[in-house]
């Protein structure tokens, strides 16, 4: 179970908390590979998968969409 001491005073002063990493570098690499695999799968058959994709650009202001054309928000 993940537990971390919360510094209430720091939160009250800063307005946010930071947390220690919960994934190891190896786990992050595995997650990146799987993410890349899923994105490639979606792009390999857009007619099939596009109705199931939420694009990040659809949730951004127009001035924030540059470079976000292929960023998937949610599958």
N, C-alpha and C. Protein backbone atom coordinates (compact mmCIF):
# COMPACT_ATOMS: atom_id res chain seq x y z
N UNK A 1 0.84 -1.18 0.00
CA UNK A 1 0.00 0.00 0.00
C UNK A 1 0.88 1.25 0.00
N UNK A 2 0.50 2.22 -0.80
CA UNK A 2 1.26 3.47 -0.91
C UNK A 2 0.85 4.42 0.21
N UNK A 3 1.81 4.82 1.00
CA UNK A 3 1.53 5.80 2.05
C UNK A 3 2.60 6.86 2.02
N UNK A 4 2.21 8.07 2.29
CA UNK A 4 3.15 9.17 2.34
C UNK A 4 2.65 10.16 3.38
N UNK A 5 3.56 10.66 4.19
CA UNK A 5 3.20 11.67 5.18
C UNK A 5 2.84 12.96 4.45
N UNK A 6 1.70 13.51 4.77
CA UNK A 6 1.25 14.75 4.14
C UNK A 6 1.62 15.92 5.05
N UNK A 7 2.30 16.89 4.48
CA UNK A 7 2.69 18.09 5.21
C UNK A 7 1.59 19.13 5.03
N UNK A 8 0.69 19.18 5.98
CA UNK A 8 -0.47 20.07 5.90
C UNK A 8 -0.03 21.52 5.82
N UNK A 9 0.97 21.87 6.60
CA UNK A 9 1.44 23.25 6.60
C UNK A 9 1.99 23.63 5.22
N UNK A 10 2.74 22.74 4.59
CA UNK A 10 3.26 23.01 3.25
C UNK A 10 2.12 23.19 2.26
N UNK A 11 1.11 22.34 2.39
CA UNK A 11 -0.05 22.47 1.51
C UNK A 11 -0.74 23.82 1.70
N UNK A 12 -0.90 24.23 2.94
CA UNK A 12 -1.56 25.50 3.21
C UNK A 12 -0.75 26.67 2.68
N UNK A 13 0.56 26.57 2.72
CA UNK A 13 1.42 27.65 2.23
C UNK A 13 1.55 27.64 0.71
N UNK A 14 1.73 26.45 0.13
CA UNK A 14 1.99 26.34 -1.30
C UNK A 14 0.71 26.19 -2.14
N UNK A 15 -0.28 25.54 -1.56
CA UNK A 15 -1.51 25.28 -2.29
C UNK A 15 -1.48 23.99 -3.09
N UNK A 16 -0.41 23.21 -2.96
CA UNK A 16 -0.29 21.92 -3.65
C UNK A 16 0.66 21.02 -2.88
N UNK A 17 0.64 19.75 -3.22
CA UNK A 17 1.56 18.77 -2.63
C UNK A 17 2.33 18.08 -3.74
N UNK A 18 3.50 17.62 -3.43
CA UNK A 18 4.25 16.77 -4.36
C UNK A 18 4.31 15.38 -3.75
N UNK A 19 4.45 14.39 -4.60
CA UNK A 19 4.50 13.01 -4.12
C UNK A 19 5.73 12.32 -4.71
N UNK A 20 6.19 11.34 -3.99
CA UNK A 20 7.31 10.54 -4.49
C UNK A 20 6.84 9.74 -5.71
N UNK A 21 7.77 9.36 -6.55
CA UNK A 21 7.45 8.55 -7.73
C UNK A 21 6.83 7.22 -7.29
N UNK A 22 5.82 6.79 -8.03
CA UNK A 22 5.19 5.51 -7.70
C UNK A 22 5.56 4.42 -8.69
N UNK A 23 6.16 4.79 -9.82
CA UNK A 23 6.61 3.81 -10.81
C UNK A 23 8.13 3.85 -10.91
N UNK A 24 8.72 2.70 -11.07
CA UNK A 24 10.16 2.63 -11.28
C UNK A 24 10.47 3.02 -12.73
N UNK A 25 11.72 3.37 -13.03
CA UNK A 25 12.08 3.66 -14.42
C UNK A 25 11.74 2.50 -15.36
N UNK A 26 11.92 1.28 -14.91
CA UNK A 26 11.58 0.11 -15.73
C UNK A 26 10.07 0.06 -16.00
N UNK A 27 9.27 0.30 -14.99
CA UNK A 27 7.82 0.30 -15.17
C UNK A 27 7.37 1.42 -16.12
N UNK A 28 7.99 2.58 -16.00
CA UNK A 28 7.67 3.68 -16.90
C UNK A 28 7.99 3.32 -18.34
N UNK A 29 9.11 2.67 -18.57
CA UNK A 29 9.47 2.26 -19.92
C UNK A 29 8.46 1.26 -20.47
N UNK A 30 8.00 0.33 -19.65
CA UNK A 30 6.98 -0.62 -20.08
C UNK A 30 5.68 0.11 -20.44
N UNK A 31 5.29 1.08 -19.62
CA UNK A 31 4.09 1.85 -19.91
C UNK A 31 4.23 2.64 -21.21
N UNK A 32 5.41 3.21 -21.45
CA UNK A 32 5.63 3.95 -22.69
C UNK A 32 5.54 3.03 -23.91
N UNK A 33 6.12 1.84 -23.81
CA UNK A 33 6.05 0.90 -24.93
C UNK A 33 4.61 0.50 -25.22
N UNK A 34 3.86 0.22 -24.18
CA UNK A 34 2.46 -0.17 -24.37
C UNK A 34 1.65 0.98 -24.94
N UNK A 35 1.90 2.18 -24.47
CA UNK A 35 1.22 3.35 -24.99
C UNK A 35 1.53 3.53 -26.48
N UNK A 36 2.79 3.41 -26.85
CA UNK A 36 3.18 3.52 -28.26
C UNK A 36 2.51 2.44 -29.10
N UNK A 37 2.41 1.24 -28.56
CA UNK A 37 1.76 0.14 -29.27
C UNK A 37 0.28 0.45 -29.53
N UNK A 38 -0.40 0.97 -28.50
CA UNK A 38 -1.81 1.28 -28.65
C UNK A 38 -2.05 2.42 -29.64
N UNK A 39 -1.21 3.44 -29.60
CA UNK A 39 -1.34 4.55 -30.55
C UNK A 39 -1.13 4.04 -31.97
N UNK A 40 -0.11 3.21 -32.17
CA UNK A 40 0.15 2.65 -33.51
C UNK A 40 -1.04 1.80 -33.97
N UNK A 41 -1.61 1.02 -33.08
CA UNK A 41 -2.78 0.22 -33.42
C UNK A 41 -3.94 1.10 -33.86
N UNK A 42 -4.19 2.16 -33.13
CA UNK A 42 -5.28 3.06 -33.48
C UNK A 42 -5.06 3.70 -34.85
N UNK A 43 -3.84 4.13 -35.12
CA UNK A 43 -3.55 4.76 -36.41
C UNK A 43 -3.51 3.76 -37.55
N UNK A 44 -3.34 2.50 -37.24
CA UNK A 44 -3.31 1.49 -38.31
C UNK A 44 -4.71 1.23 -38.88
N UNK A 45 -5.75 1.59 -38.14
CA UNK A 45 -7.13 1.35 -38.59
C UNK A 45 -8.03 2.45 -38.02
N UNK A 46 -7.80 3.70 -38.49
CA UNK A 46 -8.57 4.83 -37.95
C UNK A 46 -10.07 4.68 -38.12
N UNK A 47 -10.56 4.19 -39.25
CA UNK A 47 -12.03 4.05 -39.35
C UNK A 47 -12.63 3.21 -38.22
N UNK A 48 -11.89 2.22 -37.79
CA UNK A 48 -12.38 1.35 -36.70
C UNK A 48 -12.25 1.99 -35.33
N UNK A 49 -11.10 2.62 -35.07
CA UNK A 49 -10.81 3.10 -33.72
C UNK A 49 -11.13 4.57 -33.46
N UNK A 50 -11.16 5.39 -34.49
CA UNK A 50 -11.35 6.83 -34.26
C UNK A 50 -12.64 7.16 -33.51
N UNK A 51 -13.75 6.46 -33.74
CA UNK A 51 -14.95 6.78 -32.95
C UNK A 51 -14.76 6.54 -31.45
N UNK A 52 -13.75 5.79 -31.07
CA UNK A 52 -13.51 5.49 -29.66
C UNK A 52 -12.44 6.38 -29.03
N UNK A 53 -11.90 7.30 -29.80
CA UNK A 53 -10.78 8.13 -29.33
C UNK A 53 -11.27 9.52 -28.96
N UNK A 54 -10.82 10.01 -27.80
CA UNK A 54 -10.99 11.42 -27.46
C UNK A 54 -9.65 12.08 -27.75
N UNK A 55 -9.64 13.08 -28.61
CA UNK A 55 -8.42 13.79 -28.97
C UNK A 55 -8.18 14.94 -28.00
N UNK A 56 -6.96 15.12 -27.59
CA UNK A 56 -6.60 16.19 -26.65
C UNK A 56 -6.96 17.55 -27.24
N UNK A 57 -6.74 17.73 -28.54
CA UNK A 57 -6.98 19.03 -29.18
C UNK A 57 -8.44 19.47 -29.06
N UNK A 58 -9.34 18.51 -28.90
CA UNK A 58 -10.76 18.83 -28.79
C UNK A 58 -11.11 19.46 -27.45
N UNK A 59 -10.18 19.44 -26.51
CA UNK A 59 -10.42 19.98 -25.17
C UNK A 59 -9.55 21.21 -24.87
N UNK A 60 -8.88 21.71 -25.90
CA UNK A 60 -7.97 22.84 -25.72
C UNK A 60 -8.50 24.08 -26.44
N UNK A 61 -8.06 25.22 -25.98
CA UNK A 61 -8.35 26.46 -26.69
C UNK A 61 -7.59 26.43 -28.02
N UNK A 62 -8.14 27.07 -29.05
CA UNK A 62 -7.49 27.01 -30.37
C UNK A 62 -6.00 27.37 -30.36
N UNK A 63 -5.61 28.32 -29.53
CA UNK A 63 -4.19 28.73 -29.50
C UNK A 63 -3.29 27.70 -28.81
N UNK A 64 -3.86 26.68 -28.20
CA UNK A 64 -3.08 25.65 -27.51
C UNK A 64 -2.99 24.35 -28.30
N UNK A 65 -3.56 24.29 -29.48
CA UNK A 65 -3.64 23.01 -30.21
C UNK A 65 -2.43 22.71 -31.09
N UNK A 66 -1.53 23.66 -31.29
CA UNK A 66 -0.38 23.42 -32.15
C UNK A 66 0.44 22.23 -31.63
N UNK A 67 0.68 21.26 -32.48
CA UNK A 67 1.44 20.08 -32.11
C UNK A 67 0.63 19.02 -31.39
N UNK A 68 -0.66 19.24 -31.23
CA UNK A 68 -1.50 18.31 -30.47
C UNK A 68 -2.43 17.50 -31.37
N UNK A 69 -2.23 17.58 -32.68
CA UNK A 69 -3.15 16.95 -33.62
C UNK A 69 -3.27 15.44 -33.43
N UNK A 70 -2.21 14.80 -32.99
CA UNK A 70 -2.22 13.34 -32.86
C UNK A 70 -2.12 12.87 -31.41
N UNK A 71 -2.41 13.76 -30.48
CA UNK A 71 -2.32 13.40 -29.06
C UNK A 71 -3.67 12.86 -28.61
N UNK A 72 -3.65 11.63 -28.13
CA UNK A 72 -4.87 10.98 -27.66
C UNK A 72 -5.06 11.29 -26.18
N UNK A 73 -6.24 11.76 -25.85
CA UNK A 73 -6.59 12.05 -24.46
C UNK A 73 -7.09 10.81 -23.76
N UNK A 74 -7.92 10.05 -24.46
CA UNK A 74 -8.55 8.88 -23.84
C UNK A 74 -8.98 7.91 -24.92
N UNK A 75 -8.80 6.63 -24.65
CA UNK A 75 -9.28 5.57 -25.55
C UNK A 75 -10.48 4.91 -24.92
